[in-house]
Amino acid sequence: MLVMADRYQQLLDATIRHLEDRKAQGVKFIPASQATLAALVSSCVRESNAAATAPDRSPARPLQATPMFDSLVATPSASAEAAAPALPGAAPADLQTKQAAMAELQARAMVCRKCPHLAASRKNVVFGVGNVDSPLIFVGEAPGADEDEQGEPFVGKAGQLLTKIIQTMGFTRRTVYIANILKCRPDTPGQSVGNRKPTPEEMKTCLPYLLTQIDLIQPKVIVALGATAVDGLLGKTAGITKLRGQWQKFRGVPVMPTYHPAYLLRNQALGEKRKVWEDMLHVLERLGRPISEKQRNYFLNP
């Protein structure tokens, strides 16, 4: 009990330091995602685990196994709702340990200033979201403007498309884990819009956070979204066109490189959609998940 109290105090102290630092910079309001709020209270919930209430018995929202690349129906608010993780409640001890360790890691990331130029320009650290006990992790390159604003990965248009891919696979954003190589949005001095790729030095500096996330979650499969994610994880620069669909290994974990959702927003050809979907079918097979005939036939020519 004393150890858990110390961990909670460490998390609280780190959060207070971060808030005081932002206040000194003139920031008056900081949006907090559901993932952050859940992480902050997770230690407190675990301490009172013996008296925890029963898990939520409300009916689950039905998954719609429909082609997800045809349109972008999801809205940011719907995405945020889908990403809201359930409180741990009476969780197993090993899951509690993961949650506590992830909360402590997040507290350190929230006040990280290893890249001063990124710390000065960011609005939020975009740590990661989802189930810390998930068999599947999606890894992107870096937050964009929407992610920086909301403090959550993949919530813009590309994120909405990723959410539909995840749902069509039979998962939700709550049952997988989503993170980036870089936790801060790459600064764009002199630009009012647009993004830039992380530099190799930025990725090298930030990568330990992602490595620890992967070590804590211990996934069965990692999906690397786009060339930058493949480069950051595997150090391979052969090009995503050559690498996608070909299983790789990272710390003993199978990695499936595939196109970034942003690429499919630019190129919506049926053949390109099918390539990504075939990659996801390989992922489902590796995870031992059932695949319906309807799923197998998505984006094939009539």
C-alpha atoms as a PDB file:
ATOM      1  CA  MET A   1       0.000   0.000   0.000  1.00  0.00           C
ATOM      2  CA  LEU A   2       2.903   2.330   0.836  1.00  0.00           C
ATOM      3  CA  VAL A   3       4.534   1.659  -2.547  1.00  0.00           C
ATOM      4  CA  MET A   4       1.344   2.534  -4.393  1.00  0.00           C
ATOM      5  CA  ALA A   5       0.981   5.733  -2.358  1.00  0.00           C
ATOM      6  CA  ASP A   6       4.562   6.719  -3.220  1.00  0.00           C
ATOM      7  CA  ARG A   7       3.908   6.103  -6.928  1.00  0.00           C
ATOM      8  CA  TYR A   8       0.769   8.191  -6.843  1.00  0.00           C
ATOM      9  CA  GLN A   9       2.634  11.003  -5.051  1.00  0.00           C
ATOM     10  CA  GLN A  10       5.398  10.910  -7.664  1.00  0.00           C
ATOM     11  CA  LEU A  11       2.830  11.160 -10.433  1.00  0.00           C
ATOM     12  CA  LEU A  12       1.054  13.993  -8.651  1.00  0.00           C
ATOM     13  CA  ASP A  13       4.305  15.895  -8.054  1.00  0.00           C
ATOM     14  CA  ALA A  14       5.340  15.543 -11.708  1.00  0.00           C
ATOM     15  CA  THR A  15       1.929  16.747 -12.853  1.00  0.00           C
ATOM     16  CA  ILE A  16       2.033  19.764 -10.553  1.00  0.00           C
ATOM     17  CA  ARG A  17       5.503  20.707 -11.810  1.00  0.00           C
ATOM     18  CA  HIS A  18       4.288  20.476 -15.383  1.00  0.00           C
ATOM     19  CA  LEU A  19       1.231  22.635 -14.692  1.00  0.00           C
ATOM     20  CA  GLU A  20       3.289  25.237 -12.868  1.00  0.00           C
ATOM     21  CA  ASP A  21       5.726  25.347 -15.771  1.00  0.00           C
ATOM     22  CA  ARG A  22       2.911  25.866 -18.298  1.00  0.00           C
ATOM     23  CA  LYS A  23       1.374  28.558 -16.067  1.00  0.00           C
ATOM     24  CA  ALA A  24       4.707  30.400 -16.005  1.00  0.00           C
ATOM     25  CA  GLN A  25       4.602  30.376 -19.809  1.00  0.00           C
ATOM     26  CA  GLY A  26       1.252  32.148 -19.746  1.00  0.00           C
ATOM     27  CA  VAL A  27      -0.928  29.104 -20.442  1.00  0.00           C
ATOM     28  CA  LYS A  28      -4.300  29.433 -18.717  1.00  0.00           C
ATOM     29  CA  PHE A  29      -6.061  26.292 -19.956  1.00  0.00           C
ATOM     30  CA  ILE A  30      -4.759  22.782 -20.724  1.00  0.00           C
ATOM     31  CA  PRO A  31      -7.144  20.270 -22.333  1.00  0.00           C
ATOM     32  CA  ALA A  32      -6.869  16.824 -20.772  1.00  0.00           C
ATOM     33  CA  SER A  33      -7.780  13.710 -22.723  1.00  0.00           C
ATOM     34  CA  GLN A  34      -9.718  10.858 -21.160  1.00  0.00           C
ATOM     35  CA  ALA A  35      -6.560   8.751 -21.299  1.00  0.00           C
ATOM     36  CA  THR A  36      -4.641  11.289 -19.211  1.00  0.00           C
ATOM     37  CA  LEU A  37      -7.419  11.600 -16.670  1.00  0.00           C
ATOM     38  CA  ALA A  38      -7.693   7.840 -16.361  1.00  0.00           C
ATOM     39  CA  ALA A  39      -3.916   7.548 -15.868  1.00  0.00           C
ATOM     40  CA  LEU A  40      -3.977  10.172 -13.119  1.00  0.00           C
ATOM     41  CA  VAL A  41      -6.631   8.366 -11.156  1.00  0.00           C
ATOM     42  CA  SER A  42      -5.482   4.813 -11.863  1.00  0.00           C
ATOM     43  CA  SER A  43      -3.202   4.565  -8.809  1.00  0.00           C
ATOM     44  CA  CYS A  44      -5.946   5.868  -6.552  1.00  0.00           C
ATOM     45  CA  VAL A  45      -8.404   3.377  -8.021  1.00  0.00           C
ATOM     46  CA  ARG A  46      -6.004   0.491  -7.487  1.00  0.00           C
ATOM     47  CA  GLU A  47      -5.501   1.375  -3.810  1.00  0.00           C
ATOM     48  CA  SER A  48      -9.228   1.046  -3.212  1.00  0.00           C
ATOM     49  CA  ASN A  49      -9.496  -2.009  -5.438  1.00  0.00           C
ATOM     50  CA  ALA A  50     -10.975  -4.198  -2.714  1.00  0.00           C
ATOM     51  CA  ALA A  51     -14.006  -1.948  -2.565  1.00  0.00           C
ATOM     52  CA  ALA A  52     -14.173  -1.293  -6.297  1.00  0.00           C
ATOM     53  CA  THR A  53     -17.516  -1.361  -8.002  1.00  0.00           C
ATOM     54  CA  ALA A  54     -18.394  -4.034 -10.520  1.00  0.00           C
ATOM     55  CA  PRO A  55     -17.279  -3.488 -14.138  1.00  0.00           C
ATOM     56  CA  ASP A  56     -19.545  -1.508 -16.413  1.00  0.00           C
ATOM     57  CA  ARG A  57     -22.323  -3.794 -17.680  1.00  0.00           C
ATOM     58  CA  SER A  58     -23.732  -1.349 -20.206  1.00  0.00           C
ATOM     59  CA  PRO A  59     -24.198  -2.819 -23.698  1.00  0.00           C
ATOM     60  CA  ALA A  60     -21.156  -2.489 -25.911  1.00  0.00           C
ATOM     61  CA  ARG A  61     -21.468  -0.346 -29.011  1.00  0.00           C
ATOM     62  CA  PRO A  62     -21.829  -2.684 -31.995  1.00  0.00           C
ATOM     63  CA  LEU A  63     -18.902  -2.881 -34.373  1.00  0.00           C
ATOM     64  CA  GLN A  64     -19.718  -2.207 -37.976  1.00  0.00           C
ATOM     65  CA  ALA A  65     -17.644  -4.376 -40.273  1.00  0.00           C
ATOM     66  CA  THR A  66     -18.112  -2.138 -43.277  1.00  0.00           C
ATOM     67  CA  PRO A  67     -15.535  -0.809 -45.736  1.00  0.00           C
ATOM     68  CA  MET A  68     -13.803   2.002 -43.872  1.00  0.00           C
ATOM     69  CA  PHE A  69     -11.944   3.726 -46.709  1.00  0.00           C
ATOM     70  CA  ASP A  70     -15.006   4.819 -48.707  1.00  0.00           C
ATOM     71  CA  SER A  71     -15.724   7.893 -46.589  1.00  0.00           C
ATOM     72  CA  LEU A  72     -14.626   9.702 -43.475  1.00  0.00           C
ATOM     73  CA  VAL A  73     -17.765   9.592 -41.411  1.00  0.00           C
ATOM     74  CA  ALA A  74     -16.174   9.748 -37.987  1.00  0.00           C
ATOM     75  CA  THR A  75     -15.950  13.136 -36.307  1.00  0.00           C
ATOM     76  CA  PRO A  76     -13.313  14.221 -33.778  1.00  0.00           C
ATOM     77  CA  SER A  77     -15.886  14.012 -30.982  1.00  0.00           C
ATOM     78  CA  ALA A  78     -16.845  10.476 -31.965  1.00  0.00           C
ATOM     79  CA  SER A  79     -13.176   9.556 -32.148  1.00  0.00           C
ATOM     80  CA  ALA A  80     -12.553  10.938 -28.692  1.00  0.00           C
ATOM     81  CA  GLU A  81     -15.510   8.984 -27.326  1.00  0.00           C
ATOM     82  CA  ALA A  82     -14.241   5.773 -28.872  1.00  0.00           C
ATOM     83  CA  ALA A  83     -10.803   6.414 -27.386  1.00  0.00           C
ATOM     84  CA  ALA A  84     -12.020   6.900 -23.809  1.00  0.00           C
ATOM     85  CA  PRO A  85     -10.548   3.994 -21.821  1.00  0.00           C
ATOM     86  CA  ALA A  86     -12.498   2.239 -19.103  1.00  0.00           C
ATOM     87  CA  LEU A  87     -11.251   2.633 -15.545  1.00  0.00           C
ATOM     88  CA  PRO A  88      -9.354  -0.449 -14.361  1.00  0.00           C
ATOM     89  CA  GLY A  89     -11.706  -1.345 -11.494  1.00  0.00           C
ATOM     90  CA  ALA A  90     -11.031  -4.857 -10.227  1.00  0.00           C
ATOM     91  CA  ALA A  91      -8.232  -5.505 -12.684  1.00  0.00           C
ATOM     92  CA  PRO A  92      -5.753  -8.384 -12.360  1.00  0.00           C
ATOM     93  CA  ALA A  93      -2.518  -7.622 -10.534  1.00  0.00           C
ATOM     94  CA  ASP A  94      -0.356  -7.872 -13.665  1.00  0.00           C
ATOM     95  CA  LEU A  95      -2.599  -5.379 -15.476  1.00  0.00           C
ATOM     96  CA  GLN A  96      -2.458  -3.074 -12.460  1.00  0.00           C
ATOM     97  CA  THR A  97       1.332  -3.179 -12.579  1.00  0.00           C
ATOM     98  CA  LYS A  98       1.304  -2.263 -16.265  1.00  0.00           C
ATOM     99  CA  GLN A  99      -1.099   0.604 -15.663  1.00  0.00           C
ATOM    100  CA  ALA A 100       0.952   1.970 -12.790  1.00  0.00           C
ATOM    101  CA  ALA A 101       4.193   1.782 -14.762  1.00  0.00           C
ATOM    102  CA  MET A 102       2.570   3.371 -17.828  1.00  0.00           C
ATOM    103  CA  ALA A 103       1.170   6.196 -15.688  1.00  0.00           C
ATOM    104  CA  GLU A 104       4.615   6.895 -14.265  1.00  0.00           C
ATOM    105  CA  LEU A 105       6.156   6.862 -17.746  1.00  0.00           C
ATOM    106  CA  GLN A 106       3.482   9.264 -18.966  1.00  0.00           C
ATOM    107  CA  ALA A 107       4.168  11.603 -16.055  1.00  0.00           C
ATOM    108  CA  ARG A 108       7.835  11.761 -17.074  1.00  0.00           C
ATOM    109  CA  ALA A 109       6.973  12.328 -20.729  1.00  0.00           C
ATOM    110  CA  MET A 110       4.577  15.147 -19.867  1.00  0.00           C
ATOM    111  CA  VAL A 111       7.413  17.254 -18.449  1.00  0.00           C
ATOM    112  CA  CYS A 112      10.115  16.133 -20.904  1.00  0.00           C
ATOM    113  CA  ARG A 113      12.323  18.904 -22.315  1.00  0.00           C
ATOM    114  CA  LYS A 114      15.023  16.841 -24.006  1.00  0.00           C
ATOM    115  CA  CYS A 115      14.211  18.638 -27.279  1.00  0.00           C
ATOM    116  CA  PRO A 116      13.949  22.297 -26.137  1.00  0.00           C
ATOM    117  CA  HIS A 117      12.672  23.530 -29.513  1.00  0.00           C
ATOM    118  CA  LEU A 118       9.816  21.006 -29.470  1.00  0.00           C
ATOM    119  CA  ALA A 119       8.968  21.643 -25.832  1.00  0.00           C
ATOM    120  CA  ALA A 120       8.765  25.364 -26.538  1.00  0.00           C
ATOM    121  CA  SER A 121       6.403  25.020 -29.508  1.00  0.00           C
ATOM    122  CA  ARG A 122       4.123  22.169 -28.405  1.00  0.00           C
ATOM    123  CA  LYS A 123       0.706  22.605 -26.827  1.00  0.00           C
ATOM    124  CA  ASN A 124       0.533  19.053 -25.466  1.00  0.00           C
ATOM    125  CA  VAL A 125       2.695  15.980 -25.152  1.00  0.00           C
ATOM    126  CA  VAL A 126       0.930  13.271 -27.159  1.00  0.00           C
ATOM    127  CA  PHE A 127       1.835  10.198 -25.151  1.00  0.00           C
ATOM    128  CA  GLY A 128      -0.395   7.379 -26.393  1.00  0.00           C
ATOM    129  CA  VAL A 129      -3.873   5.956 -25.882  1.00  0.00           C
ATOM    130  CA  GLY A 130      -5.597   2.607 -25.551  1.00  0.00           C
ATOM    131  CA  ASN A 131      -5.324  -0.695 -23.725  1.00  0.00           C
ATOM    132  CA  VAL A 132      -1.988  -1.304 -21.989  1.00  0.00           C
ATOM    133  CA  ASP A 133      -2.693  -5.041 -22.172  1.00  0.00           C
ATOM    134  CA  SER A 134      -3.500  -5.066 -25.893  1.00  0.00           C
ATOM    135  CA  PRO A 135      -2.006  -7.636 -28.278  1.00  0.00           C
ATOM    136  CA  LEU A 136      -1.800  -4.962 -30.980  1.00  0.00           C
ATOM    137  CA  ILE A 137       0.022  -1.615 -31.189  1.00  0.00           C
ATOM    138  CA  PHE A 138      -0.235   0.906 -34.022  1.00  0.00           C
ATOM    139  CA  VAL A 139       2.801   3.202 -34.324  1.00  0.00           C
ATOM    140  CA  GLY A 140       2.833   6.422 -36.338  1.00  0.00           C
ATOM    141  CA  GLU A 141       5.509   9.020 -36.839  1.00  0.00           C
ATOM    142  CA  ALA A 142       4.534  12.178 -34.899  1.00  0.00           C
ATOM    143  CA  PRO A 143       1.547  14.278 -33.817  1.00  0.00           C
ATOM    144  CA  GLY A 144       0.003  16.799 -36.193  1.00  0.00           C
ATOM    145  CA  ALA A 145      -1.835  19.999 -35.352  1.00  0.00           C
ATOM    146  CA  ASP A 146      -5.049  18.242 -34.253  1.00  0.00           C
ATOM    147  CA  GLU A 147      -3.154  15.806 -32.075  1.00  0.00           C
ATOM    148  CA  ASP A 148      -1.073  18.581 -30.531  1.00  0.00           C
ATOM    149  CA  GLU A 149      -4.274  20.477 -29.728  1.00  0.00           C
ATOM    150  CA  GLN A 150      -6.078  17.510 -28.145  1.00  0.00           C
ATOM    151  CA  GLY A 151      -3.134  15.656 -26.627  1.00  0.00           C
ATOM    152  CA  GLU A 152      -4.144  12.359 -28.253  1.00  0.00           C
ATOM    153  CA  PRO A 153      -2.634  10.491 -31.232  1.00  0.00           C
ATOM    154  CA  PHE A 154      -4.470  10.091 -34.545  1.00  0.00           C
ATOM    155  CA  VAL A 155      -7.530  12.293 -34.018  1.00  0.00           C
ATOM    156  CA  GLY A 156      -7.373  14.311 -37.270  1.00  0.00           C
ATOM    157  CA  LYS A 157      -8.589  13.111 -40.665  1.00  0.00           C
ATOM    158  CA  ALA A 158      -5.900  10.425 -40.905  1.00  0.00           C
ATOM    159  CA  GLY A 159      -6.772   9.375 -37.367  1.00  0.00           C
ATOM    160  CA  GLN A 160     -10.451   9.075 -38.215  1.00  0.00           C
ATOM    161  CA  LEU A 161      -9.519   6.779 -41.083  1.00  0.00           C
ATOM    162  CA  LEU A 162      -7.276   4.723 -38.796  1.00  0.00           C
ATOM    163  CA  THR A 163     -10.180   4.400 -36.363  1.00  0.00           C
ATOM    164  CA  LYS A 164     -12.338   2.943 -39.152  1.00  0.00           C
ATOM    165  CA  ILE A 165      -9.593   0.489 -40.101  1.00  0.00           C
ATOM    166  CA  ILE A 166      -9.339  -0.621 -36.475  1.00  0.00           C
ATOM    167  CA  GLN A 167     -13.106  -1.013 -36.178  1.00  0.00           C
ATOM    168  CA  THR A 168     -13.371  -3.018 -39.387  1.00  0.00           C
ATOM    169  CA  MET A 169     -10.691  -5.350 -38.040  1.00  0.00           C
ATOM    170  CA  GLY A 170     -13.015  -6.034 -35.107  1.00  0.00           C
ATOM    171  CA  PHE A 171     -11.245  -3.863 -32.539  1.00  0.00           C
ATOM    172  CA  THR A 172     -11.847  -0.380 -31.132  1.00  0.00           C
ATOM    173  CA  ARG A 173      -9.458   2.364 -30.140  1.00  0.00           C
ATOM    174  CA  ARG A 174     -10.035   1.223 -26.562  1.00  0.00           C
ATOM    175  CA  THR A 175      -8.881  -2.344 -27.215  1.00  0.00           C
ATOM    176  CA  VAL A 176      -5.675  -1.567 -29.144  1.00  0.00           C
ATOM    177  CA  TYR A 177      -2.834   0.821 -28.284  1.00  0.00           C
ATOM    178  CA  ILE A 178      -1.883   3.792 -30.486  1.00  0.00           C
ATOM    179  CA  ALA A 179       1.343   5.761 -30.184  1.00  0.00           C
ATOM    180  CA  ASN A 180       3.949   7.650 -32.197  1.00  0.00           C
ATOM    181  CA  ILE A 181       7.711   7.596 -32.564  1.00  0.00           C
ATOM    182  CA  LEU A 182       7.748  11.261 -31.498  1.00  0.00           C
ATOM    183  CA  LYS A 183       5.608  12.485 -28.596  1.00  0.00           C
ATOM    184  CA  CYS A 184       5.697  16.175 -29.564  1.00  0.00           C
ATOM    185  CA  ARG A 185       4.585  17.808 -32.779  1.00  0.00           C
ATOM    186  CA  PRO A 186       7.638  18.731 -34.888  1.00  0.00           C
ATOM    187  CA  ASP A 187       7.920  22.506 -34.815  1.00  0.00           C
ATOM    188  CA  THR A 188       7.274  24.372 -38.047  1.00  0.00           C
ATOM    189  CA  PRO A 189       8.879  27.805 -37.639  1.00  0.00           C
ATOM    190  CA  GLY A 190       7.629  30.276 -40.215  1.00  0.00           C
ATOM    191  CA  GLN A 191       4.741  28.003 -41.231  1.00  0.00           C
ATOM    192  CA  SER A 192       1.136  28.646 -40.256  1.00  0.00           C
ATOM    193  CA  VAL A 193      -0.047  25.256 -41.553  1.00  0.00           C
ATOM    194  CA  GLY A 194       1.405  21.892 -42.471  1.00  0.00           C
ATOM    195  CA  ASN A 195       3.691  19.376 -40.808  1.00  0.00           C
ATOM    196  CA  ARG A 196       7.255  18.193 -41.190  1.00  0.00           C
ATOM    197  CA  LYS A 197       8.953  14.851 -40.671  1.00  0.00           C
ATOM    198  CA  PRO A 198      10.823  14.266 -37.420  1.00  0.00           C
ATOM    199  CA  THR A 199      14.579  14.475 -37.745  1.00  0.00           C
ATOM    200  CA  PRO A 200      16.706  11.396 -37.000  1.00  0.00           C
ATOM    201  CA  GLU A 201      18.042  13.110 -33.880  1.00  0.00           C
ATOM    202  CA  GLU A 202      14.526  13.898 -32.625  1.00  0.00           C
ATOM    203  CA  MET A 203      13.427  10.306 -33.156  1.00  0.00           C
ATOM    204  CA  LYS A 204      16.530   8.946 -31.429  1.00  0.00           C
ATOM    205  CA  THR A 205      15.941  11.220 -28.438  1.00  0.00           C
ATOM    206  CA  CYS A 206      12.248  10.351 -28.049  1.00  0.00           C
ATOM    207  CA  LEU A 207      12.378   6.665 -28.959  1.00  0.00           C
ATOM    208  CA  PRO A 208      13.063   5.404 -25.385  1.00  0.00           C
ATOM    209  CA  TYR A 209       9.517   6.397 -24.401  1.00  0.00           C
ATOM    210  CA  LEU A 210       8.040   4.230 -27.167  1.00  0.00           C
ATOM    211  CA  LEU A 211      10.423   1.370 -26.401  1.00  0.00           C
ATOM    212  CA  THR A 212       9.264   1.375 -22.794  1.00  0.00           C
ATOM    213  CA  GLN A 213       5.617   1.461 -23.905  1.00  0.00           C
ATOM    214  CA  ILE A 214       6.229  -1.587 -26.092  1.00  0.00           C
ATOM    215  CA  ASP A 215       8.110  -3.403 -23.312  1.00  0.00           C
ATOM    216  CA  LEU A 216       5.267  -2.732 -20.860  1.00  0.00           C
ATOM    217  CA  ILE A 217       2.449  -3.746 -23.221  1.00  0.00           C
ATOM    218  CA  GLN A 218       4.266  -6.774 -24.677  1.00  0.00           C
ATOM    219  CA  PRO A 219       2.137  -6.878 -27.842  1.00  0.00           C
ATOM    220  CA  LYS A 220       1.875  -9.829 -30.179  1.00  0.00           C
ATOM    221  CA  VAL A 221       1.972  -7.579 -33.267  1.00  0.00           C
ATOM    222  CA  ILE A 222       3.082  -4.020 -34.075  1.00  0.00           C
ATOM    223  CA  VAL A 223       1.733  -2.168 -37.117  1.00  0.00           C
ATOM    224  CA  ALA A 224       4.143   0.499 -38.368  1.00  0.00           C
ATOM    225  CA  LEU A 225       2.214   3.227 -40.181  1.00  0.00           C
ATOM    226  CA  GLY A 226       4.310   4.781 -42.922  1.00  0.00           C
ATOM    227  CA  ALA A 227       7.952   5.090 -43.855  1.00  0.00           C
ATOM    228  CA  THR A 228       8.967   7.301 -40.938  1.00  0.00           C
ATOM    229  CA  ALA A 229       7.555   4.879 -38.379  1.00  0.00           C
ATOM    230  CA  VAL A 230       9.386   2.001 -40.086  1.00  0.00           C
ATOM    231  CA  ASP A 231      12.608   4.016 -40.114  1.00  0.00           C
ATOM    232  CA  GLY A 232      12.227   5.031 -36.459  1.00  0.00           C
ATOM    233  CA  LEU A 233      11.437   1.508 -35.278  1.00  0.00           C
ATOM    234  CA  LEU A 234      13.547  -0.654 -37.543  1.00  0.00           C
ATOM    235  CA  GLY A 235      16.147   1.740 -38.912  1.00  0.00           C
ATOM    236  CA  LYS A 236      15.171   0.681 -42.438  1.00  0.00           C
ATOM    237  CA  THR A 237      14.997   3.295 -45.182  1.00  0.00           C
ATOM    238  CA  ALA A 238      14.303   0.993 -48.138  1.00  0.00           C
ATOM    239  CA  GLY A 239      10.952   2.706 -48.680  1.00  0.00           C
ATOM    240  CA  ILE A 240       7.493   1.807 -47.516  1.00  0.00           C
ATOM    241  CA  THR A 241       6.471   0.615 -51.016  1.00  0.00           C
ATOM    242  CA  LYS A 242       9.066  -2.171 -50.825  1.00  0.00           C
ATOM    243  CA  LEU A 243       8.586  -2.983 -47.145  1.00  0.00           C
ATOM    244  CA  ARG A 244       4.810  -2.897 -46.733  1.00  0.00           C
ATOM    245  CA  GLY A 245       3.179  -6.284 -46.391  1.00  0.00           C
ATOM    246  CA  GLN A 246       6.486  -7.939 -45.463  1.00  0.00           C
ATOM    247  CA  TRP A 247       6.799  -9.126 -41.865  1.00  0.00           C
ATOM    248  CA  GLN A 248       9.686  -7.641 -39.910  1.00  0.00           C
ATOM    249  CA  LYS A 249      10.898  -8.187 -36.336  1.00  0.00           C
ATOM    250  CA  PHE A 250      11.454  -5.693 -33.543  1.00  0.00           C
ATOM    251  CA  ARG A 251      12.680  -6.993 -30.187  1.00  0.00           C
ATOM    252  CA  GLY A 252      11.181 -10.336 -31.097  1.00  0.00           C
ATOM    253  CA  VAL A 253       7.766  -8.831 -31.921  1.00  0.00           C
ATOM    254  CA  PRO A 254       6.377  -9.254 -35.466  1.00  0.00           C
ATOM    255  CA  VAL A 255       6.039  -5.881 -37.218  1.00  0.00           C
ATOM    256  CA  MET A 256       3.765  -5.248 -40.200  1.00  0.00           C
ATOM    257  CA  PRO A 257       4.777  -2.146 -42.179  1.00  0.00           C
ATOM    258  CA  THR A 258       1.935  -0.551 -44.103  1.00  0.00           C
ATOM    259  CA  TYR A 259       0.976   2.760 -45.645  1.00  0.00           C
ATOM    260  CA  HIS A 260       0.107   5.660 -43.366  1.00  0.00           C
ATOM    261  CA  PRO A 261      -3.626   6.530 -43.408  1.00  0.00           C
ATOM    262  CA  ALA A 262      -2.692   9.977 -44.718  1.00  0.00           C
ATOM    263  CA  TYR A 263      -1.420   8.285 -47.887  1.00  0.00           C
ATOM    264  CA  LEU A 264      -4.852   6.733 -48.470  1.00  0.00           C
ATOM    265  CA  LEU A 265      -6.450  10.147 -48.085  1.00  0.00           C
ATOM    266  CA  ARG A 266      -4.260  11.368 -50.938  1.00  0.00           C
ATOM    267  CA  ASN A 267      -4.552   8.225 -53.063  1.00  0.00           C
ATOM    268  CA  GLN A 268      -7.953   6.574 -52.747  1.00  0.00           C
ATOM    269  CA  ALA A 269      -7.502   4.073 -55.578  1.00  0.00           C
ATOM    270  CA  LEU A 270      -9.180   0.751 -54.856  1.00  0.00           C
ATOM    271  CA  GLY A 271      -5.900  -1.088 -55.352  1.00  0.00           C
ATOM    272  CA  GLU A 272      -4.109   0.982 -52.700  1.00  0.00           C
ATOM    273  CA  LYS A 273      -6.926   0.424 -50.223  1.00  0.00           C
ATOM    274  CA  ARG A 274      -6.728  -3.291 -50.892  1.00  0.00           C
ATOM    275  CA  LYS A 275      -2.986  -3.330 -50.180  1.00  0.00           C
ATOM    276  CA  VAL A 276      -3.497  -1.853 -46.733  1.00  0.00           C
ATOM    277  CA  TRP A 277      -6.419  -4.158 -46.046  1.00  0.00           C
ATOM    278  CA  GLU A 278      -4.383  -7.207 -47.055  1.00  0.00           C
ATOM    279  CA  ASP A 279      -1.746  -6.083 -44.547  1.00  0.00           C
ATOM    280  CA  MET A 280      -4.443  -5.923 -41.864  1.00  0.00           C
ATOM    281  CA  LEU A 281      -5.684  -9.396 -42.823  1.00  0.00           C
ATOM    282  CA  HIS A 282      -2.151 -10.685 -42.249  1.00  0.00           C
ATOM    283  CA  VAL A 283      -2.205  -9.007 -38.835  1.00  0.00           C
ATOM    284  CA  LEU A 284      -5.521 -10.649 -37.937  1.00  0.00           C
ATOM    285  CA  GLU A 285      -4.195 -14.031 -39.025  1.00  0.00           C
ATOM    286  CA  ARG A 286      -1.044 -13.592 -36.933  1.00  0.00           C
ATOM    287  CA  LEU A 287      -3.217 -12.693 -33.931  1.00  0.00           C
ATOM    288  CA  GLY A 288      -5.411 -15.751 -34.517  1.00  0.00           C
ATOM    289  CA  ARG A 289      -8.511 -13.589 -34.950  1.00  0.00           C
ATOM    290  CA  PRO A 290     -11.501 -14.895 -36.957  1.00  0.00           C
ATOM    291  CA  ILE A 291     -11.885 -13.347 -40.408  1.00  0.00           C
ATOM    292  CA  SER A 292     -15.255 -13.324 -42.104  1.00  0.00           C
ATOM    293  CA  GLU A 293     -15.705 -13.894 -45.820  1.00  0.00           C
ATOM    294  CA  LYS A 294     -16.984 -10.349 -46.088  1.00  0.00           C
ATOM    295  CA  GLN A 295     -13.794  -9.031 -44.538  1.00  0.00           C
ATOM    296  CA  ARG A 296     -11.643 -11.096 -46.883  1.00  0.00           C
ATOM    297  CA  ASN A 297     -13.397  -9.626 -49.914  1.00  0.00           C
ATOM    298  CA  TYR A 298     -13.128  -5.939 -49.119  1.00  0.00           C
ATOM    299  CA  PHE A 299     -11.749  -3.795 -51.949  1.00  0.00           C
ATOM    300  CA  LEU A 300     -11.540  -6.596 -54.498  1.00  0.00           C
ATOM    301  CA  ASN A 301     -12.730  -5.830 -57.991  1.00  0.00           C
ATOM    302  CA  PRO A 302     -16.358  -6.916 -58.547  1.00  0.00           C
END
